[in-house]
Amino acid sequence: ENNFFLNNTTHIKFTDDGCNTSISGNYMLGGNIGIALYKTAQQAEGTRIINNTILVTGGNGAGIDMNAGLEILISGNIIDQTGSNSIGVYMHPAGADAVSSIKCIGNWIAAGLGSYGAFANGNNTILYFTNNTFVSNNNLVTLNAISLNATNTYNVLSNRFLMTYASGSTDISAVSCTNSTVLGNDSSLPASNALFNQFNSQVA
């Protein structure tokens, strides 16, 4: 809590465990990755990432980077000045690992040049994006605000999308995904798919 980190490759890094940890009130400037939750034998569970300022200007990284995790809260953070090809929040489990029950609430998230605000790729389940503001770093051209690939159950609720896109990009992209709720979002793009609210959920 309440640390200042400058120009580290990764500012805060758990290579194993990190269960029931609080990462709060830190200021991170420069470097490639702000907070990394990685798994060797034990994934992070119940981790709270709250009220941090993450300015990862170095490029080719991410504000928050997870390759496994369960019940992670990401709330009230500022992820900005994101470097080229850097993702605001990146979830990328491999093999049998998973990123599940991630609550991304009330954050300011900037996508880096040519990159994403939030990108989930692989075995991701039960993702919540609520009351966040997604922007492009310094109005540079970026890709989707939220891009999901092979995600099972996601909720995109009451977010603001203020992005600068390459031609053909949209606020929300979902490929091979199931069980979605997309509701109450607004966008600076007149033709954005964020304006077409949808509800698509299986009920037993």
C-alpha atoms as a PDB file:
ATOM      1  CA  GLU A   1       0.000   0.000   0.000  1.00  0.00           C
ATOM      2  CA  ASN A   2       0.972   3.629  -0.767  1.00  0.00           C
ATOM      3  CA  ASN A   3       4.262   2.952  -2.555  1.00  0.00           C
ATOM      4  CA  PHE A   4       5.863   4.819  -5.455  1.00  0.00           C
ATOM      5  CA  PHE A   5       7.393   2.717  -8.223  1.00  0.00           C
ATOM      6  CA  LEU A   6       9.440   4.161 -11.108  1.00  0.00           C
ATOM      7  CA  ASN A   7      10.544   2.567 -14.398  1.00  0.00           C
ATOM      8  CA  ASN A   8      10.468  -1.072 -13.317  1.00  0.00           C
ATOM      9  CA  THR A   9       9.828  -3.720 -15.950  1.00  0.00           C
ATOM     10  CA  THR A  10       7.034  -4.971 -13.660  1.00  0.00           C
ATOM     11  CA  HIS A  11       6.162  -2.867 -10.623  1.00  0.00           C
ATOM     12  CA  ILE A  12       4.266  -5.429  -8.479  1.00  0.00           C
ATOM     13  CA  LYS A  13       4.586  -9.098  -9.369  1.00  0.00           C
ATOM     14  CA  PHE A  14       3.204 -12.245  -7.785  1.00  0.00           C
ATOM     15  CA  THR A  15       4.692 -15.305  -9.452  1.00  0.00           C
ATOM     16  CA  ASP A  16       2.673 -17.590  -7.184  1.00  0.00           C
ATOM     17  CA  ASP A  17      -0.198 -17.312  -4.708  1.00  0.00           C
ATOM     18  CA  GLY A  18      -1.149 -13.750  -3.704  1.00  0.00           C
ATOM     19  CA  CYS A  19      -4.348 -15.027  -2.070  1.00  0.00           C
ATOM     20  CA  ASN A  20      -6.417 -12.503  -0.084  1.00  0.00           C
ATOM     21  CA  THR A  21      -3.911  -9.756  -0.853  1.00  0.00           C
ATOM     22  CA  SER A  22      -4.655  -6.037  -0.956  1.00  0.00           C
ATOM     23  CA  ILE A  23      -2.777  -3.900  -3.505  1.00  0.00           C
ATOM     24  CA  SER A  24      -3.931  -0.377  -2.732  1.00  0.00           C
ATOM     25  CA  GLY A  25      -2.990   3.260  -3.217  1.00  0.00           C
ATOM     26  CA  ASN A  26       0.237   2.691  -5.142  1.00  0.00           C
ATOM     27  CA  TYR A  27       1.623   4.996  -7.839  1.00  0.00           C
ATOM     28  CA  MET A  28       3.441   3.330 -10.739  1.00  0.00           C
ATOM     29  CA  LEU A  29       5.190   5.338 -13.440  1.00  0.00           C
ATOM     30  CA  GLY A  30       7.001   3.991 -16.512  1.00  0.00           C
ATOM     31  CA  GLY A  31       7.893   0.398 -17.178  1.00  0.00           C
ATOM     32  CA  ASN A  32       5.910  -2.270 -18.998  1.00  0.00           C
ATOM     33  CA  ILE A  33       3.574  -3.995 -16.521  1.00  0.00           C
ATOM     34  CA  GLY A  34       1.941  -2.440 -13.486  1.00  0.00           C
ATOM     35  CA  ILE A  35       0.567  -5.408 -11.540  1.00  0.00           C
ATOM     36  CA  ALA A  36       1.132  -9.052 -12.528  1.00  0.00           C
ATOM     37  CA  LEU A  37      -0.745 -12.005 -11.023  1.00  0.00           C
ATOM     38  CA  TYR A  38       0.911 -15.158 -12.346  1.00  0.00           C
ATOM     39  CA  LYS A  39       0.580 -18.813 -11.405  1.00  0.00           C
ATOM     40  CA  THR A  40       3.274 -21.425 -10.998  1.00  0.00           C
ATOM     41  CA  ALA A  41       1.503 -23.821  -8.602  1.00  0.00           C
ATOM     42  CA  GLN A  42      -1.056 -21.599  -6.801  1.00  0.00           C
ATOM     43  CA  GLN A  43      -3.172 -18.899  -8.410  1.00  0.00           C
ATOM     44  CA  ALA A  44      -4.184 -15.651  -6.763  1.00  0.00           C
ATOM     45  CA  GLU A  45      -7.612 -15.744  -5.136  1.00  0.00           C
ATOM     46  CA  GLY A  46      -9.543 -13.002  -3.385  1.00  0.00           C
ATOM     47  CA  THR A  47      -7.012 -10.360  -4.422  1.00  0.00           C
ATOM     48  CA  ARG A  48      -8.145  -6.714  -4.221  1.00  0.00           C
ATOM     49  CA  ILE A  49      -6.541  -4.188  -6.577  1.00  0.00           C
ATOM     50  CA  ILE A  50      -7.926  -0.845  -5.408  1.00  0.00           C
ATOM     51  CA  ASN A  51      -7.225   2.866  -5.987  1.00  0.00           C
ATOM     52  CA  ASN A  52      -3.868   2.521  -7.715  1.00  0.00           C
ATOM     53  CA  THR A  53      -2.450   4.850 -10.370  1.00  0.00           C
ATOM     54  CA  ILE A  54      -0.801   2.801 -13.102  1.00  0.00           C
ATOM     55  CA  LEU A  55       1.021   4.731 -15.846  1.00  0.00           C
ATOM     56  CA  VAL A  56       2.926   2.066 -17.781  1.00  0.00           C
ATOM     57  CA  THR A  57       4.492   4.091 -20.568  1.00  0.00           C
ATOM     58  CA  GLY A  58       7.113   1.563 -21.706  1.00  0.00           C
ATOM     59  CA  GLY A  59       4.956  -0.313 -24.211  1.00  0.00           C
ATOM     60  CA  ASN A  60       4.386  -3.994 -25.024  1.00  0.00           C
ATOM     61  CA  GLY A  61       2.863  -4.682 -21.621  1.00  0.00           C
ATOM     62  CA  ALA A  62      -0.262  -4.132 -19.557  1.00  0.00           C
ATOM     63  CA  GLY A  63      -1.580  -2.153 -16.643  1.00  0.00           C
ATOM     64  CA  ILE A  64      -2.836  -5.316 -14.947  1.00  0.00           C
ATOM     65  CA  ASP A  65      -1.722  -8.709 -16.277  1.00  0.00           C
ATOM     66  CA  MET A  66      -3.211 -12.059 -15.144  1.00  0.00           C
ATOM     67  CA  ASN A  67      -2.574 -15.589 -16.377  1.00  0.00           C
ATOM     68  CA  ALA A  68      -4.710 -17.187 -13.638  1.00  0.00           C
ATOM     69  CA  GLY A  69      -6.951 -15.975 -10.835  1.00  0.00           C
ATOM     70  CA  LEU A  70     -10.252 -16.324  -8.996  1.00  0.00           C
ATOM     71  CA  GLU A  71     -12.467 -13.661  -7.398  1.00  0.00           C
ATOM     72  CA  ILE A  72     -10.228 -10.717  -8.227  1.00  0.00           C
ATOM     73  CA  LEU A  73     -11.563  -7.215  -7.558  1.00  0.00           C
ATOM     74  CA  ILE A  74     -10.184  -4.384  -9.709  1.00  0.00           C
ATOM     75  CA  SER A  75     -11.788  -1.145  -8.537  1.00  0.00           C
ATOM     76  CA  GLY A  76     -11.156   2.587  -8.539  1.00  0.00           C
ATOM     77  CA  ASN A  77      -7.843   2.417 -10.399  1.00  0.00           C
ATOM     78  CA  ILE A  78      -6.445   4.865 -12.943  1.00  0.00           C
ATOM     79  CA  ILE A  79      -4.690   3.034 -15.783  1.00  0.00           C
ATOM     80  CA  ASP A  80      -3.440   5.721 -18.151  1.00  0.00           C
ATOM     81  CA  GLN A  81      -0.505   6.869 -20.319  1.00  0.00           C
ATOM     82  CA  THR A  82      -0.483   3.254 -21.487  1.00  0.00           C
ATOM     83  CA  GLY A  83       2.414   2.595 -23.873  1.00  0.00           C
ATOM     84  CA  SER A  84       2.263   1.393 -27.460  1.00  0.00           C
ATOM     85  CA  ASN A  85       0.824  -2.138 -27.823  1.00  0.00           C
ATOM     86  CA  SER A  86      -0.056  -2.190 -24.108  1.00  0.00           C
ATOM     87  CA  ILE A  87      -3.386  -3.412 -22.768  1.00  0.00           C
ATOM     88  CA  GLY A  88      -5.159  -1.828 -19.816  1.00  0.00           C
ATOM     89  CA  VAL A  89      -6.351  -5.122 -18.250  1.00  0.00           C
ATOM     90  CA  TYR A  90      -5.047  -8.366 -19.791  1.00  0.00           C
ATOM     91  CA  MET A  91      -6.371 -11.858 -18.931  1.00  0.00           C
ATOM     92  CA  HIS A  92      -4.659 -14.751 -20.734  1.00  0.00           C
ATOM     93  CA  PRO A  93      -4.769 -18.165 -19.004  1.00  0.00           C
ATOM     94  CA  ALA A  94      -3.073 -21.096 -20.713  1.00  0.00           C
ATOM     95  CA  GLY A  95      -3.736 -24.819 -20.623  1.00  0.00           C
ATOM     96  CA  ALA A  96      -5.967 -25.924 -17.755  1.00  0.00           C
ATOM     97  CA  ASP A  97      -5.599 -22.617 -15.886  1.00  0.00           C
ATOM     98  CA  ALA A  98      -8.444 -20.098 -15.750  1.00  0.00           C
ATOM     99  CA  VAL A  99      -9.245 -16.497 -14.958  1.00  0.00           C
ATOM    100  CA  SER A 100     -12.655 -16.490 -13.284  1.00  0.00           C
ATOM    101  CA  SER A 101     -14.966 -14.169 -11.368  1.00  0.00           C
ATOM    102  CA  ILE A 102     -13.163 -10.931 -12.171  1.00  0.00           C
ATOM    103  CA  LYS A 103     -14.947  -7.749 -11.112  1.00  0.00           C
ATOM    104  CA  CYS A 104     -13.657  -4.662 -12.917  1.00  0.00           C
ATOM    105  CA  ILE A 105     -15.608  -1.773 -11.387  1.00  0.00           C
ATOM    106  CA  GLY A 106     -15.289   1.993 -11.561  1.00  0.00           C
ATOM    107  CA  ASN A 107     -11.869   2.241 -13.208  1.00  0.00           C
ATOM    108  CA  TRP A 108     -10.390   4.669 -15.735  1.00  0.00           C
ATOM    109  CA  ILE A 109      -8.719   2.473 -18.360  1.00  0.00           C
ATOM    110  CA  ALA A 110      -6.663   3.739 -21.291  1.00  0.00           C
ATOM    111  CA  ALA A 111      -5.706   1.499 -24.191  1.00  0.00           C
ATOM    112  CA  GLY A 112      -2.255   1.941 -25.665  1.00  0.00           C
ATOM    113  CA  LEU A 113      -1.613   2.719 -29.312  1.00  0.00           C
ATOM    114  CA  GLY A 114      -2.782  -0.260 -31.396  1.00  0.00           C
ATOM    115  CA  SER A 115      -4.069  -2.151 -28.344  1.00  0.00           C
ATOM    116  CA  TYR A 116      -7.090  -2.805 -26.106  1.00  0.00           C
ATOM    117  CA  GLY A 117      -8.666  -1.402 -22.982  1.00  0.00           C
ATOM    118  CA  ALA A 118      -9.407  -4.903 -21.695  1.00  0.00           C
ATOM    119  CA  PHE A 119      -8.497  -8.135 -23.473  1.00  0.00           C
ATOM    120  CA  ALA A 120      -9.545 -11.618 -22.319  1.00  0.00           C
ATOM    121  CA  ASN A 121      -8.108 -14.480 -24.345  1.00  0.00           C
ATOM    122  CA  GLY A 122      -8.505 -18.135 -23.390  1.00  0.00           C
ATOM    123  CA  ASN A 123     -10.283 -19.839 -20.506  1.00  0.00           C
ATOM    124  CA  ASN A 124     -11.990 -16.815 -18.947  1.00  0.00           C
ATOM    125  CA  THR A 125     -15.319 -17.087 -17.132  1.00  0.00           C
ATOM    126  CA  ILE A 126     -17.678 -14.750 -15.276  1.00  0.00           C
ATOM    127  CA  LEU A 127     -16.191 -11.369 -16.101  1.00  0.00           C
ATOM    128  CA  TYR A 128     -17.841  -8.138 -14.933  1.00  0.00           C
ATOM    129  CA  PHE A 129     -17.088  -4.740 -16.464  1.00  0.00           C
ATOM    130  CA  THR A 130     -19.217  -2.160 -14.639  1.00  0.00           C
ATOM    131  CA  ASN A 131     -19.094   1.660 -14.486  1.00  0.00           C
ATOM    132  CA  ASN A 132     -15.667   1.907 -16.103  1.00  0.00           C
ATOM    133  CA  THR A 133     -14.511   4.628 -18.486  1.00  0.00           C
ATOM    134  CA  PHE A 134     -12.502   3.350 -21.444  1.00  0.00           C
ATOM    135  CA  VAL A 135     -10.346   5.792 -23.423  1.00  0.00           C
ATOM    136  CA  SER A 136      -7.497   5.778 -25.931  1.00  0.00           C
ATOM    137  CA  ASN A 137      -4.202   7.044 -24.566  1.00  0.00           C
ATOM    138  CA  ASN A 138      -3.857  10.645 -25.778  1.00  0.00           C
ATOM    139  CA  ASN A 139      -6.488   9.946 -28.471  1.00  0.00           C
ATOM    140  CA  LEU A 140      -4.126   7.635 -30.337  1.00  0.00           C
ATOM    141  CA  VAL A 141      -5.680   4.999 -32.585  1.00  0.00           C
ATOM    142  CA  THR A 142      -6.533   1.832 -30.649  1.00  0.00           C
ATOM    143  CA  LEU A 143      -8.455  -1.416 -31.067  1.00  0.00           C
ATOM    144  CA  ASN A 144     -11.540  -2.519 -29.111  1.00  0.00           C
ATOM    145  CA  ALA A 145     -12.275  -1.118 -25.674  1.00  0.00           C
ATOM    146  CA  ILE A 146     -13.238  -4.645 -24.552  1.00  0.00           C
ATOM    147  CA  SER A 147     -12.173  -7.680 -26.585  1.00  0.00           C
ATOM    148  CA  LEU A 148     -13.237 -11.159 -25.455  1.00  0.00           C
ATOM    149  CA  ASN A 149     -12.208 -14.474 -26.979  1.00  0.00           C
ATOM    150  CA  ALA A 150     -13.631 -17.821 -25.774  1.00  0.00           C
ATOM    151  CA  THR A 151     -15.170 -16.252 -22.659  1.00  0.00           C
ATOM    152  CA  ASN A 152     -18.047 -17.975 -20.878  1.00  0.00           C
ATOM    153  CA  THR A 153     -20.387 -15.531 -19.116  1.00  0.00           C
ATOM    154  CA  TYR A 154     -19.585 -11.835 -19.240  1.00  0.00           C
ATOM    155  CA  ASN A 155     -21.411  -8.724 -18.136  1.00  0.00           C
ATOM    156  CA  VAL A 156     -20.730  -5.284 -19.620  1.00  0.00           C
ATOM    157  CA  LEU A 157     -22.859  -2.798 -17.696  1.00  0.00           C
ATOM    158  CA  SER A 158     -23.028   1.024 -17.585  1.00  0.00           C
ATOM    159  CA  ASN A 159     -19.593   1.741 -19.016  1.00  0.00           C
ATOM    160  CA  ARG A 160     -18.473   4.802 -21.003  1.00  0.00           C
ATOM    161  CA  PHE A 161     -16.510   4.299 -24.207  1.00  0.00           C
ATOM    162  CA  LEU A 162     -14.534   7.340 -25.353  1.00  0.00           C
ATOM    163  CA  MET A 163     -12.179   5.624 -27.759  1.00  0.00           C
ATOM    164  CA  THR A 164     -10.315   6.591 -30.932  1.00  0.00           C
ATOM    165  CA  TYR A 165     -10.489   3.609 -33.244  1.00  0.00           C
ATOM    166  CA  ALA A 166      -9.020   2.259 -36.424  1.00  0.00           C
ATOM    167  CA  SER A 167     -11.608   1.880 -39.158  1.00  0.00           C
ATOM    168  CA  GLY A 168     -14.009  -0.979 -38.465  1.00  0.00           C
ATOM    169  CA  SER A 169     -13.207  -1.359 -34.761  1.00  0.00           C
ATOM    170  CA  THR A 170     -16.004  -1.470 -32.194  1.00  0.00           C
ATOM    171  CA  ASP A 171     -16.298  -0.832 -28.485  1.00  0.00           C
ATOM    172  CA  ILE A 172     -17.032  -4.464 -27.646  1.00  0.00           C
ATOM    173  CA  SER A 173     -15.812  -7.503 -29.551  1.00  0.00           C
ATOM    174  CA  ALA A 174     -16.798 -11.041 -28.513  1.00  0.00           C
ATOM    175  CA  VAL A 175     -15.599 -14.113 -30.442  1.00  0.00           C
ATOM    176  CA  SER A 176     -16.657 -17.651 -29.458  1.00  0.00           C
ATOM    177  CA  CYS A 177     -18.268 -16.307 -26.273  1.00  0.00           C
ATOM    178  CA  THR A 178     -21.439 -17.445 -24.477  1.00  0.00           C
ATOM    179  CA  ASN A 179     -23.889 -16.067 -21.899  1.00  0.00           C
ATOM    180  CA  SER A 180     -23.667 -12.308 -22.208  1.00  0.00           C
ATOM    181  CA  THR A 181     -25.335  -9.283 -20.674  1.00  0.00           C
ATOM    182  CA  VAL A 182     -24.535  -5.970 -22.364  1.00  0.00           C
ATOM    183  CA  LEU A 183     -26.679  -3.178 -20.988  1.00  0.00           C
ATOM    184  CA  GLY A 184     -26.724   0.559 -20.347  1.00  0.00           C
ATOM    185  CA  ASN A 185     -23.395   1.480 -21.933  1.00  0.00           C
ATOM    186  CA  ASP A 186     -22.757   4.699 -23.821  1.00  0.00           C
ATOM    187  CA  SER A 187     -20.278   5.566 -26.513  1.00  0.00           C
ATOM    188  CA  SER A 188     -18.730   8.485 -28.345  1.00  0.00           C
ATOM    189  CA  LEU A 189     -19.199   6.553 -31.598  1.00  0.00           C
ATOM    190  CA  PRO A 190     -22.616   7.066 -33.254  1.00  0.00           C
ATOM    191  CA  ALA A 191     -22.523   3.579 -34.771  1.00  0.00           C
ATOM    192  CA  SER A 192     -20.973   1.803 -31.807  1.00  0.00           C
ATOM    193  CA  ASN A 193     -22.320  -1.580 -30.817  1.00  0.00           C
ATOM    194  CA  ALA A 194     -22.368  -0.324 -27.216  1.00  0.00           C
ATOM    195  CA  LEU A 195     -25.560   1.505 -28.153  1.00  0.00           C
ATOM    196  CA  PHE A 196     -27.286  -1.733 -29.109  1.00  0.00           C
ATOM    197  CA  ASN A 197     -27.963  -3.185 -25.701  1.00  0.00           C
ATOM    198  CA  GLN A 198     -28.541  -6.889 -25.579  1.00  0.00           C
ATOM    199  CA  PHE A 199     -29.366  -9.627 -23.125  1.00  0.00           C
ATOM    200  CA  ASN A 200     -28.400 -13.203 -23.911  1.00  0.00           C
ATOM    201  CA  SER A 201     -28.271 -15.606 -20.998  1.00  0.00           C
ATOM    202  CA  GLN A 202     -29.207 -19.235 -20.492  1.00  0.00           C
ATOM    203  CA  VAL A 203     -31.801 -19.883 -17.823  1.00  0.00           C
ATOM    204  CA  ALA A 204     -32.094 -23.394 -16.387  1.00  0.00           C
END
